[in-house]
């Protein structure tokens, strides 16, 4: 079988890759990112997640910043560990392919 993902899933892969590049300073940006660890000092499971604004409108869910960082936060810890871009690319594609196969029972 061919390991091809649908376009919507490929968009999610690219969103996560962009967040990885932003958080690793591989891309110039004007987005100020903060992690949960920067907000408070006690250790939680979500300490590596990014803080995103909590808007209450439907339109805000379409914002790049909110969608991309929330999607990145929802990844399993093993996938979003920051080793290198190539390792992250491989892990993120495998993660989304496995999720796609589970949903479609392939």
PDB file of N, CA and C in Angstrom:
ATOM      1  N   UNK A   1       0.831  -1.182   0.000  1.00  0.00           N
ATOM      2  CA  UNK A   1       0.000   0.000   0.000  1.00  0.00           C
ATOM      3  C   UNK A   1       0.876   1.246   0.000  1.00  0.00           C
ATOM      4  N   UNK A   2       0.353   2.329  -0.532  1.00  0.00           N
ATOM      5  CA  UNK A   2       1.093   3.583  -0.635  1.00  0.00           C
ATOM      6  C   UNK A   2       0.785   4.434   0.584  1.00  0.00           C
ATOM      7  N   UNK A   3       1.827   4.996   1.181  1.00  0.00           N
ATOM      8  CA  UNK A   3       1.664   5.818   2.382  1.00  0.00           C
ATOM      9  C   UNK A   3       1.423   7.274   1.995  1.00  0.00           C
ATOM     10  N   UNK A   4       0.244   7.553   1.499  1.00  0.00           N
ATOM     11  CA  UNK A   4      -0.115   8.910   1.096  1.00  0.00           C
ATOM     12  C   UNK A   4      -1.197   9.427   2.033  1.00  0.00           C
ATOM     13  N   UNK A   5      -0.971  10.624   2.553  1.00  0.00           N
ATOM     14  CA  UNK A   5      -1.934  11.245   3.456  1.00  0.00           C
ATOM     15  C   UNK A   5      -2.824  12.208   2.681  1.00  0.00           C
ATOM     16  N   UNK A   6      -4.053  12.424   3.147  1.00  0.00           N
ATOM     17  CA  UNK A   6      -4.926  13.412   2.511  1.00  0.00           C
ATOM     18  C   UNK A   6      -4.372  14.828   2.705  1.00  0.00           C
ATOM     19  N   UNK A   7      -4.823  15.734   1.875  1.00  0.00           N
ATOM     20  CA  UNK A   7      -4.311  17.105   1.891  1.00  0.00           C
ATOM     21  C   UNK A   7      -4.536  17.776   3.244  1.00  0.00           C
ATOM     22  N   UNK A   8      -5.683  17.570   3.861  1.00  0.00           N
ATOM     23  CA  UNK A   8      -5.953  18.205   5.159  1.00  0.00           C
ATOM     24  C   UNK A   8      -4.962  17.735   6.221  1.00  0.00           C
ATOM     25  N   UNK A   9      -4.588  16.471   6.170  1.00  0.00           N
ATOM     26  CA  UNK A   9      -3.612  15.939   7.119  1.00  0.00           C
ATOM     27  C   UNK A   9      -2.221  16.473   6.809  1.00  0.00           C
ATOM     28  N   UNK A  10      -1.901  16.610   5.546  1.00  0.00           N
ATOM     29  CA  UNK A  10      -0.602  17.196   5.169  1.00  0.00           C
ATOM     30  C   UNK A  10      -0.503  18.643   5.630  1.00  0.00           C
ATOM     31  N   UNK A  11      -1.622  19.352   5.620  1.00  0.00           N
ATOM     32  CA  UNK A  11      -1.631  20.728   6.146  1.00  0.00           C
ATOM     33  C   UNK A  11      -1.310  20.720   7.632  1.00  0.00           C
ATOM     34  N   UNK A  12      -1.866  19.761   8.362  1.00  0.00           N
ATOM     35  CA  UNK A  12      -1.568  19.652   9.795  1.00  0.00           C
ATOM     36  C   UNK A  12      -0.099  19.317  10.027  1.00  0.00           C
ATOM     37  N   UNK A  13       0.464  18.455   9.192  1.00  0.00           N
ATOM     38  CA  UNK A  13       1.897  18.131   9.301  1.00  0.00           C
ATOM     39  C   UNK A  13       2.717  19.392   9.104  1.00  0.00           C
ATOM     40  N   UNK A  14       2.377  20.187   8.093  1.00  0.00           N
ATOM     41  CA  UNK A  14       3.126  21.413   7.823  1.00  0.00           C
ATOM     42  C   UNK A  14       2.950  22.453   8.918  1.00  0.00           C
ATOM     43  N   UNK A  15       1.762  22.531   9.515  1.00  0.00           N
ATOM     44  CA  UNK A  15       1.564  23.436  10.649  1.00  0.00           C
ATOM     45  C   UNK A  15       2.488  23.057  11.800  1.00  0.00           C
ATOM     46  N   UNK A  16       2.551  21.766  12.109  1.00  0.00           N
ATOM     47  CA  UNK A  16       3.412  21.302  13.201  1.00  0.00           C
ATOM     48  C   UNK A  16       4.889  21.535  12.887  1.00  0.00           C
ATOM     49  N   UNK A  17       5.280  21.328  11.638  1.00  0.00           N
ATOM     50  CA  UNK A  17       6.665  21.586  11.245  1.00  0.00           C
ATOM     51  C   UNK A  17       7.011  23.061  11.411  1.00  0.00           C
ATOM     52  N   UNK A  18       6.080  23.923  11.060  1.00  0.00           N
ATOM     53  CA  UNK A  18       6.322  25.356  11.200  1.00  0.00           C
ATOM     54  C   UNK A  18       6.451  25.759  12.677  1.00  0.00           C
ATOM     55  N   UNK A  19       5.619  25.195  13.531  1.00  0.00           N
ATOM     56  CA  UNK A  19       5.717  25.476  14.962  1.00  0.00           C
ATOM     57  C   UNK A  19       7.063  24.994  15.498  1.00  0.00           C
ATOM     58  N   UNK A  20       7.496  23.824  15.052  1.00  0.00           N
ATOM     59  CA  UNK A  20       8.794  23.305  15.472  1.00  0.00           C
ATOM     60  C   UNK A  20       9.907  24.272  15.067  1.00  0.00           C
ATOM     61  N   UNK A  21       9.839  24.771  13.832  1.00  0.00           N
ATOM     62  CA  UNK A  21      10.861  25.701  13.355  1.00  0.00           C
ATOM     63  C   UNK A  21      10.824  27.012  14.121  1.00  0.00           C
ATOM     64  N   UNK A  22       9.631  27.500  14.425  1.00  0.00           N
ATOM     65  CA  UNK A  22       9.506  28.740  15.203  1.00  0.00           C
ATOM     66  C   UNK A  22      10.083  28.543  16.596  1.00  0.00           C
ATOM     67  N   UNK A  23       9.729  27.439  17.246  1.00  0.00           N
ATOM     68  CA  UNK A  23      10.183  27.215  18.621  1.00  0.00           C
ATOM     69  C   UNK A  23      11.676  26.916  18.697  1.00  0.00           C
ATOM     70  N   UNK A  24      12.272  26.473  17.589  1.00  0.00           N
ATOM     71  CA  UNK A  24      13.707  26.179  17.562  1.00  0.00           C
ATOM     72  C   UNK A  24      14.511  27.317  16.948  1.00  0.00           C
ATOM     73  N   UNK A  25      13.862  28.439  16.695  1.00  0.00           N
ATOM     74  CA  UNK A  25      14.496  29.620  16.096  1.00  0.00           C
ATOM     75  C   UNK A  25      15.147  29.326  14.749  1.00  0.00           C
ATOM     76  N   UNK A  26      14.515  28.486  13.955  1.00  0.00           N
ATOM     77  CA  UNK A  26      15.005  28.185  12.610  1.00  0.00           C
ATOM     78  C   UNK A  26      14.382  29.103  11.571  1.00  0.00           C
ATOM     79  N   UNK A  27      13.386  29.867  11.992  1.00  0.00           N
ATOM     80  CA  UNK A  27      12.635  30.730  11.094  1.00  0.00           C
ATOM     81  C   UNK A  27      12.479  32.083  11.768  1.00  0.00           C
ATOM     82  N   UNK A  28      12.640  33.156  10.990  1.00  0.00           N
ATOM     83  CA  UNK A  28      12.399  34.487  11.549  1.00  0.00           C
ATOM     84  C   UNK A  28      10.899  34.678  11.732  1.00  0.00           C
ATOM     85  N   UNK A  29      10.529  35.247  12.860  1.00  0.00           N
ATOM     86  CA  UNK A  29       9.111  35.493  13.107  1.00  0.00           C
ATOM     87  C   UNK A  29       8.966  36.597  14.131  1.00  0.00           C
ATOM     88  N   UNK A  30       7.769  37.116  14.244  1.00  0.00           N
ATOM     89  CA  UNK A  30       7.481  38.125  15.248  1.00  0.00           C
ATOM     90  C   UNK A  30       6.484  37.611  16.277  1.00  0.00           C
ATOM     91  N   UNK A  31       6.351  36.300  16.368  1.00  0.00           N
ATOM     92  CA  UNK A  31       5.436  35.676  17.319  1.00  0.00           C
ATOM     93  C   UNK A  31       6.173  35.481  18.639  1.00  0.00           C
ATOM     94  N   UNK A  32       5.606  35.998  19.693  1.00  0.00           N
ATOM     95  CA  UNK A  32       6.189  35.782  21.014  1.00  0.00           C
ATOM     96  C   UNK A  32       5.571  34.515  21.584  1.00  0.00           C
ATOM     97  N   UNK A  33       6.390  33.495  21.714  1.00  0.00           N
ATOM     98  CA  UNK A  33       5.878  32.232  22.228  1.00  0.00           C
ATOM     99  C   UNK A  33       6.295  32.061  23.674  1.00  0.00           C
ATOM    100  N   UNK A  34       5.390  31.485  24.442  1.00  0.00           N
ATOM    101  CA  UNK A  34       5.674  31.180  25.835  1.00  0.00           C
ATOM    102  C   UNK A  34       5.238  29.758  26.097  1.00  0.00           C
ATOM    103  N   UNK A  35       6.018  29.081  26.904  1.00  0.00           N
ATOM    104  CA  UNK A  35       5.637  27.740  27.314  1.00  0.00           C
ATOM    105  C   UNK A  35       4.989  27.814  28.687  1.00  0.00           C
ATOM    106  N   UNK A  36       4.242  26.775  29.010  1.00  0.00           N
ATOM    107  CA  UNK A  36       3.575  26.708  30.308  1.00  0.00           C
ATOM    108  C   UNK A  36       4.609  26.835  31.420  1.00  0.00           C
ATOM    109  N   UNK A  37       5.780  26.292  31.192  1.00  0.00           N
ATOM    110  CA  UNK A  37       6.865  26.356  32.178  1.00  0.00           C
ATOM    111  C   UNK A  37       7.280  27.797  32.477  1.00  0.00           C
ATOM    112  N   UNK A  38       7.108  28.713  31.509  1.00  0.00           N
ATOM    113  CA  UNK A  38       7.437  30.125  31.721  1.00  0.00           C
ATOM    114  C   UNK A  38       6.394  30.831  32.568  1.00  0.00           C
ATOM    115  N   UNK A  39       5.170  30.320  32.572  1.00  0.00           N
ATOM    116  CA  UNK A  39       4.075  30.961  33.294  1.00  0.00           C
ATOM    117  C   UNK A  39       4.118  30.605  34.772  1.00  0.00           C
ATOM    118  N   UNK A  40       4.365  29.338  35.080  1.00  0.00           N
ATOM    119  CA  UNK A  40       4.489  28.915  36.469  1.00  0.00           C
ATOM    120  C   UNK A  40       5.627  27.913  36.584  1.00  0.00           C
ATOM    121  N   UNK A  41       6.183  27.774  37.753  1.00  0.00           N
ATOM    122  CA  UNK A  41       7.399  26.995  37.936  1.00  0.00           C
ATOM    123  C   UNK A  41       7.181  25.564  38.434  1.00  0.00           C
ATOM    124  N   UNK A  42       5.962  25.198  38.780  1.00  0.00           N
ATOM    125  CA  UNK A  42       5.780  23.833  39.245  1.00  0.00           C
ATOM    126  C   UNK A  42       5.650  22.899  38.053  1.00  0.00           C
ATOM    127  N   UNK A  43       6.082  21.689  38.249  1.00  0.00           N
ATOM    128  CA  UNK A  43       6.169  20.709  37.166  1.00  0.00           C
ATOM    129  C   UNK A  43       4.809  20.054  36.919  1.00  0.00           C
ATOM    130  N   UNK A  44       4.375  20.129  35.686  1.00  0.00           N
ATOM    131  CA  UNK A  44       3.140  19.469  35.276  1.00  0.00           C
ATOM    132  C   UNK A  44       3.409  18.685  33.996  1.00  0.00           C
ATOM    133  N   UNK A  45       2.441  17.871  33.600  1.00  0.00           N
ATOM    134  CA  UNK A  45       2.595  17.121  32.353  1.00  0.00           C
ATOM    135  C   UNK A  45       2.622  18.040  31.138  1.00  0.00           C
ATOM    136  N   UNK A  46       2.043  19.207  31.262  1.00  0.00           N
ATOM    137  CA  UNK A  46       1.930  20.119  30.120  1.00  0.00           C
ATOM    138  C   UNK A  46       2.985  21.221  30.132  1.00  0.00           C
ATOM    139  N   UNK A  47       4.036  21.065  30.912  1.00  0.00           N
ATOM    140  CA  UNK A  47       5.018  22.138  31.053  1.00  0.00           C
ATOM    141  C   UNK A  47       5.732  22.475  29.740  1.00  0.00           C
ATOM    142  N   UNK A  48       5.798  21.533  28.811  1.00  0.00           N
ATOM    143  CA  UNK A  48       6.453  21.780  27.521  1.00  0.00           C
ATOM    144  C   UNK A  48       5.497  22.354  26.478  1.00  0.00           C
ATOM    145  N   UNK A  49       4.211  22.434  26.798  1.00  0.00           N
ATOM    146  CA  UNK A  49       3.229  22.972  25.855  1.00  0.00           C
ATOM    147  C   UNK A  49       3.365  24.480  25.744  1.00  0.00           C
ATOM    148  N   UNK A  50       2.825  25.015  24.670  1.00  0.00           N
ATOM    149  CA  UNK A  50       2.848  26.456  24.451  1.00  0.00           C
ATOM    150  C   UNK A  50       1.554  27.069  24.967  1.00  0.00           C
ATOM    151  N   UNK A  51       1.655  28.275  25.480  1.00  0.00           N
ATOM    152  CA  UNK A  51       0.484  29.017  25.946  1.00  0.00           C
ATOM    153  C   UNK A  51      -0.131  29.704  24.737  1.00  0.00           C
ATOM    154  N   UNK A  52      -1.418  29.488  24.530  1.00  0.00           N
ATOM    155  CA  UNK A  52      -2.122  30.131  23.426  1.00  0.00           C
ATOM    156  C   UNK A  52      -3.273  30.947  23.991  1.00  0.00           C
ATOM    157  N   UNK A  53      -3.661  32.000  23.281  1.00  0.00           N
ATOM    158  CA  UNK A  53      -4.785  32.798  23.761  1.00  0.00           C
ATOM    159  C   UNK A  53      -6.060  31.970  23.775  1.00  0.00           C
ATOM    160  N   UNK A  54      -6.904  32.215  24.739  1.00  0.00           N
ATOM    161  CA  UNK A  54      -8.155  31.482  24.863  1.00  0.00           C
ATOM    162  C   UNK A  54      -9.302  32.361  24.368  1.00  0.00           C
ATOM    163  N   UNK A  55      -9.428  32.445  23.047  1.00  0.00           N
ATOM    164  CA  UNK A  55     -10.506  33.228  22.453  1.00  0.00           C
ATOM    165  C   UNK A  55     -11.795  32.421  22.486  1.00  0.00           C
ATOM    166  N   UNK A  56     -12.912  33.104  22.527  1.00  0.00           N
ATOM    167  CA  UNK A  56     -14.201  32.431  22.611  1.00  0.00           C
ATOM    168  C   UNK A  56     -15.027  32.569  21.346  1.00  0.00           C
ATOM    169  N   UNK A  57     -14.373  32.855  20.208  1.00  0.00           N
ATOM    170  CA  UNK A  57     -15.122  33.008  18.970  1.00  0.00           C
ATOM    171  C   UNK A  57     -14.755  31.905  17.983  1.00  0.00           C
ATOM    172  N   UNK A  58     -15.677  31.651  17.069  1.00  0.00           N
ATOM    173  CA  UNK A  58     -15.438  30.641  16.041  1.00  0.00           C
ATOM    174  C   UNK A  58     -14.330  31.085  15.088  1.00  0.00           C
ATOM    175  N   UNK A  59     -14.256  32.369  14.821  1.00  0.00           N
ATOM    176  CA  UNK A  59     -13.265  32.905  13.903  1.00  0.00           C
ATOM    177  C   UNK A  59     -11.841  32.702  14.423  1.00  0.00           C
ATOM    178  N   UNK A  60     -11.675  32.737  15.730  1.00  0.00           N
ATOM    179  CA  UNK A  60     -10.330  32.583  16.296  1.00  0.00           C
ATOM    180  C   UNK A  60      -9.768  31.184  16.061  1.00  0.00           C
ATOM    181  N   UNK A  61     -10.639  30.188  15.894  1.00  0.00           N
ATOM    182  CA  UNK A  61     -10.169  28.827  15.631  1.00  0.00           C
ATOM    183  C   UNK A  61      -9.520  28.696  14.266  1.00  0.00           C
ATOM    184  N   UNK A  62      -9.702  29.681  13.398  1.00  0.00           N
ATOM    185  CA  UNK A  62      -9.102  29.660  12.075  1.00  0.00           C
ATOM    186  C   UNK A  62      -7.765  30.397  12.040  1.00  0.00           C
ATOM    187  N   UNK A  63      -7.411  31.057  13.119  1.00  0.00           N
ATOM    188  CA  UNK A  63      -6.159  31.794  13.213  1.00  0.00           C
ATOM    189  C   UNK A  63      -4.981  30.828  13.200  1.00  0.00           C
ATOM    190  N   UNK A  64      -3.938  31.148  12.428  1.00  0.00           N
ATOM    191  CA  UNK A  64      -2.765  30.281  12.342  1.00  0.00           C
ATOM    192  C   UNK A  64      -2.162  30.016  13.708  1.00  0.00           C
ATOM    193  N   UNK A  65      -1.963  31.077  14.461  1.00  0.00           N
ATOM    194  CA  UNK A  65      -1.305  30.959  15.759  1.00  0.00           C
ATOM    195  C   UNK A  65      -2.049  29.992  16.667  1.00  0.00           C
ATOM    196  N   UNK A  66      -3.336  30.160  16.780  1.00  0.00           N
ATOM    197  CA  UNK A  66      -4.145  29.324  17.669  1.00  0.00           C
ATOM    198  C   UNK A  66      -4.190  27.884  17.153  1.00  0.00           C
ATOM    199  N   UNK A  67      -4.498  27.699  15.866  1.00  0.00           N
ATOM    200  CA  UNK A  67      -4.589  26.338  15.300  1.00  0.00           C
ATOM    201  C   UNK A  67      -3.274  25.595  15.373  1.00  0.00           C
ATOM    202  N   UNK A  68      -2.201  26.246  14.948  1.00  0.00           N
ATOM    203  CA  UNK A  68      -0.905  25.564  14.863  1.00  0.00           C
ATOM    204  C   UNK A  68      -0.377  25.183  16.238  1.00  0.00           C
ATOM    205  N   UNK A  69      -0.414  26.110  17.173  1.00  0.00           N
ATOM    206  CA  UNK A  69       0.141  25.816  18.489  1.00  0.00           C
ATOM    207  C   UNK A  69      -0.737  24.858  19.281  1.00  0.00           C
ATOM    208  N   UNK A  70      -2.055  24.929  19.126  1.00  0.00           N
ATOM    209  CA  UNK A  70      -2.929  23.952  19.789  1.00  0.00           C
ATOM    210  C   UNK A  70      -2.733  22.559  19.201  1.00  0.00           C
ATOM    211  N   UNK A  71      -2.543  22.477  17.892  1.00  0.00           N
ATOM    212  CA  UNK A  71      -2.283  21.195  17.259  1.00  0.00           C
ATOM    213  C   UNK A  71      -0.953  20.622  17.752  1.00  0.00           C
ATOM    214  N   UNK A  72       0.056  21.461  17.833  1.00  0.00           N
ATOM    215  CA  UNK A  72       1.362  21.020  18.324  1.00  0.00           C
ATOM    216  C   UNK A  72       1.255  20.557  19.779  1.00  0.00           C
ATOM    217  N   UNK A  73       0.498  21.287  20.589  1.00  0.00           N
ATOM    218  CA  UNK A  73       0.308  20.906  21.998  1.00  0.00           C
ATOM    219  C   UNK A  73      -0.386  19.555  22.128  1.00  0.00           C
ATOM    220  N   UNK A  74      -1.213  19.191  21.169  1.00  0.00           N
ATOM    221  CA  UNK A  74      -1.962  17.937  21.258  1.00  0.00           C
ATOM    222  C   UNK A  74      -1.133  16.716  20.862  1.00  0.00           C
ATOM    223  N   UNK A  75       0.060  16.932  20.353  1.00  0.00           N
ATOM    224  CA  UNK A  75       0.915  15.807  19.958  1.00  0.00           C
ATOM    225  C   UNK A  75       1.408  15.046  21.176  1.00  0.00           C
ATOM    226  N   UNK A  76       1.645  13.743  21.032  1.00  0.00           N
ATOM    227  CA  UNK A  76       2.223  12.978  22.144  1.00  0.00           C
ATOM    228  C   UNK A  76       3.651  13.469  22.455  1.00  0.00           C
ATOM    229  N   UNK A  77       4.072  13.374  23.704  1.00  0.00           N
ATOM    230  CA  UNK A  77       5.412  13.872  24.086  1.00  0.00           C
ATOM    231  C   UNK A  77       6.550  13.257  23.284  1.00  0.00           C
ATOM    232  N   UNK A  78       6.439  12.004  22.936  1.00  0.00           N
ATOM    233  CA  UNK A  78       7.515  11.365  22.178  1.00  0.00           C
ATOM    234  C   UNK A  78       7.685  11.991  20.798  1.00  0.00           C
ATOM    235  N   UNK A  79       6.601  12.455  20.223  1.00  0.00           N
ATOM    236  CA  UNK A  79       6.656  13.050  18.891  1.00  0.00           C
ATOM    237  C   UNK A  79       7.244  14.455  18.943  1.00  0.00           C
ATOM    238  N   UNK A  80       6.849  15.242  19.935  1.00  0.00           N
ATOM    239  CA  UNK A  80       7.260  16.643  19.932  1.00  0.00           C
ATOM    240  C   UNK A  80       8.555  16.937  20.668  1.00  0.00           C
ATOM    241  N   UNK A  81       9.279  15.924  21.120  1.00  0.00           N
ATOM    242  CA  UNK A  81      10.600  16.163  21.703  1.00  0.00           C
ATOM    243  C   UNK A  81      11.509  16.776  20.650  1.00  0.00           C
ATOM    244  N   UNK A  82      12.268  17.778  21.062  1.00  0.00           N
ATOM    245  CA  UNK A  82      13.077  18.535  20.113  1.00  0.00           C
ATOM    246  C   UNK A  82      14.466  17.936  19.969  1.00  0.00           C
ATOM    247  N   UNK A  83      14.630  17.057  19.013  1.00  0.00           N
ATOM    248  CA  UNK A  83      15.953  16.517  18.723  1.00  0.00           C
ATOM    249  C   UNK A  83      16.517  17.233  17.508  1.00  0.00           C
ATOM    250  N   UNK A  84      15.979  16.976  16.374  1.00  0.00           N
ATOM    251  CA  UNK A  84      16.395  17.658  15.151  1.00  0.00           C
ATOM    252  C   UNK A  84      15.184  17.739  14.228  1.00  0.00           C
ATOM    253  N   UNK A  85      15.292  18.573  13.222  1.00  0.00           N
ATOM    254  CA  UNK A  85      14.190  18.755  12.301  1.00  0.00           C
ATOM    255  C   UNK A  85      13.889  17.463  11.539  1.00  0.00           C
ATOM    256  N   UNK A  86      14.917  16.748  11.123  1.00  0.00           N
ATOM    257  CA  UNK A  86      14.701  15.510  10.365  1.00  0.00           C
ATOM    258  C   UNK A  86      14.006  14.441  11.200  1.00  0.00           C
ATOM    259  N   UNK A  87      14.417  14.295  12.453  1.00  0.00           N
ATOM    260  CA  UNK A  87      13.768  13.321  13.337  1.00  0.00           C
ATOM    261  C   UNK A  87      12.317  13.729  13.571  1.00  0.00           C
ATOM    262  N   UNK A  88      12.092  15.025  13.792  1.00  0.00           N
ATOM    263  CA  UNK A  88      10.729  15.503  14.012  1.00  0.00           C
ATOM    264  C   UNK A  88       9.858  15.255  12.780  1.00  0.00           C
ATOM    265  N   UNK A  89      10.387  15.525  11.591  1.00  0.00           N
ATOM    266  CA  UNK A  89       9.627  15.282  10.355  1.00  0.00           C
ATOM    267  C   UNK A  89       9.198  13.827  10.261  1.00  0.00           C
ATOM    268  N   UNK A  90      10.129  12.938  10.535  1.00  0.00           N
ATOM    269  CA  UNK A  90       9.818  11.512  10.459  1.00  0.00           C
ATOM    270  C   UNK A  90       8.753  11.137  11.473  1.00  0.00           C
ATOM    271  N   UNK A  91       8.920  11.596  12.709  1.00  0.00           N
ATOM    272  CA  UNK A  91       7.968  11.250  13.772  1.00  0.00           C
ATOM    273  C   UNK A  91       6.584  11.821  13.513  1.00  0.00           C
ATOM    274  N   UNK A  92       6.533  13.059  13.034  1.00  0.00           N
ATOM    275  CA  UNK A  92       5.232  13.694  12.834  1.00  0.00           C
ATOM    276  C   UNK A  92       4.476  13.026  11.688  1.00  0.00           C
ATOM    277  N   UNK A  93       5.187  12.663  10.630  1.00  0.00           N
ATOM    278  CA  UNK A  93       4.533  11.974   9.514  1.00  0.00           C
ATOM    279  C   UNK A  93       4.041  10.594   9.940  1.00  0.00           C
ATOM    280  N   UNK A  94       4.851   9.879  10.710  1.00  0.00           N
ATOM    281  CA  UNK A  94       4.428   8.565  11.213  1.00  0.00           C
ATOM    282  C   UNK A  94       3.209   8.701  12.118  1.00  0.00           C
ATOM    283  N   UNK A  95       3.223   9.710  12.983  1.00  0.00           N
ATOM    284  CA  UNK A  95       2.107   9.924  13.911  1.00  0.00           C
ATOM    285  C   UNK A  95       0.804  10.176  13.144  1.00  0.00           C
ATOM    286  N   UNK A  96       0.846  11.084  12.185  1.00  0.00           N
ATOM    287  CA  UNK A  96      -0.367  11.402  11.448  1.00  0.00           C
ATOM    288  C   UNK A  96      -0.796  10.243  10.550  1.00  0.00           C
ATOM    289  N   UNK A  97       0.144   9.495  10.017  1.00  0.00           N
ATOM    290  CA  UNK A  97      -0.222   8.333   9.198  1.00  0.00           C
ATOM    291  C   UNK A  97      -0.896   7.263  10.053  1.00  0.00           C
ATOM    292  N   UNK A  98      -0.345   7.014  11.253  1.00  0.00           N
ATOM    293  CA  UNK A  98      -0.970   6.034  12.159  1.00  0.00           C
ATOM    294  C   UNK A  98      -2.358   6.484  12.571  1.00  0.00           C
ATOM    295  N   UNK A  99      -2.507   7.776  12.858  1.00  0.00           N
ATOM    296  CA  UNK A  99      -3.826   8.310  13.229  1.00  0.00           C
ATOM    297  C   UNK A  99      -4.806   8.168  12.076  1.00  0.00           C
ATOM    298  N   UNK A 100      -4.338   8.453  10.872  1.00  0.00           N
ATOM    299  CA  UNK A 100      -5.191   8.337   9.694  1.00  0.00           C
ATOM    300  C   UNK A 100      -5.611   6.882   9.467  1.00  0.00           C
ATOM    301  N   UNK A 101      -4.685   5.957   9.639  1.00  0.00           N
ATOM    302  CA  UNK A 101      -5.003   4.530   9.471  1.00  0.00           C
ATOM    303  C   UNK A 101      -5.994   4.052  10.522  1.00  0.00           C
ATOM    304  N   UNK A 102      -5.858   4.530  11.750  1.00  0.00           N
ATOM    305  CA  UNK A 102      -6.796   4.139  12.817  1.00  0.00           C
ATOM    306  C   UNK A 102      -8.207   4.619  12.497  1.00  0.00           C
ATOM    307  N   UNK A 103      -8.303   5.827  12.021  1.00  0.00           N
ATOM    308  CA  UNK A 103      -9.617   6.400  11.718  1.00  0.00           C
ATOM    309  C   UNK A 103     -10.265   5.652  10.558  1.00  0.00           C
ATOM    310  N   UNK A 104      -9.474   5.325   9.552  1.00  0.00           N
ATOM    311  CA  UNK A 104     -10.009   4.695   8.349  1.00  0.00           C
ATOM    312  C   UNK A 104      -9.849   3.173   8.339  1.00  0.00           C
ATOM    313  N   UNK A 105      -9.344   2.602   9.419  1.00  0.00           N
ATOM    314  CA  UNK A 105      -9.199   1.141   9.572  1.00  0.00           C
ATOM    315  C   UNK A 105      -8.513   0.516   8.356  1.00  0.00           C
ATOM    316  N   UNK A 106      -7.348   1.042   8.028  1.00  0.00           N
ATOM    317  CA  UNK A 106      -6.615   0.523   6.865  1.00  0.00           C
ATOM    318  C   UNK A 106      -5.743  -0.632   7.245  1.00  0.00           C
TER     319      UNK A 106
END
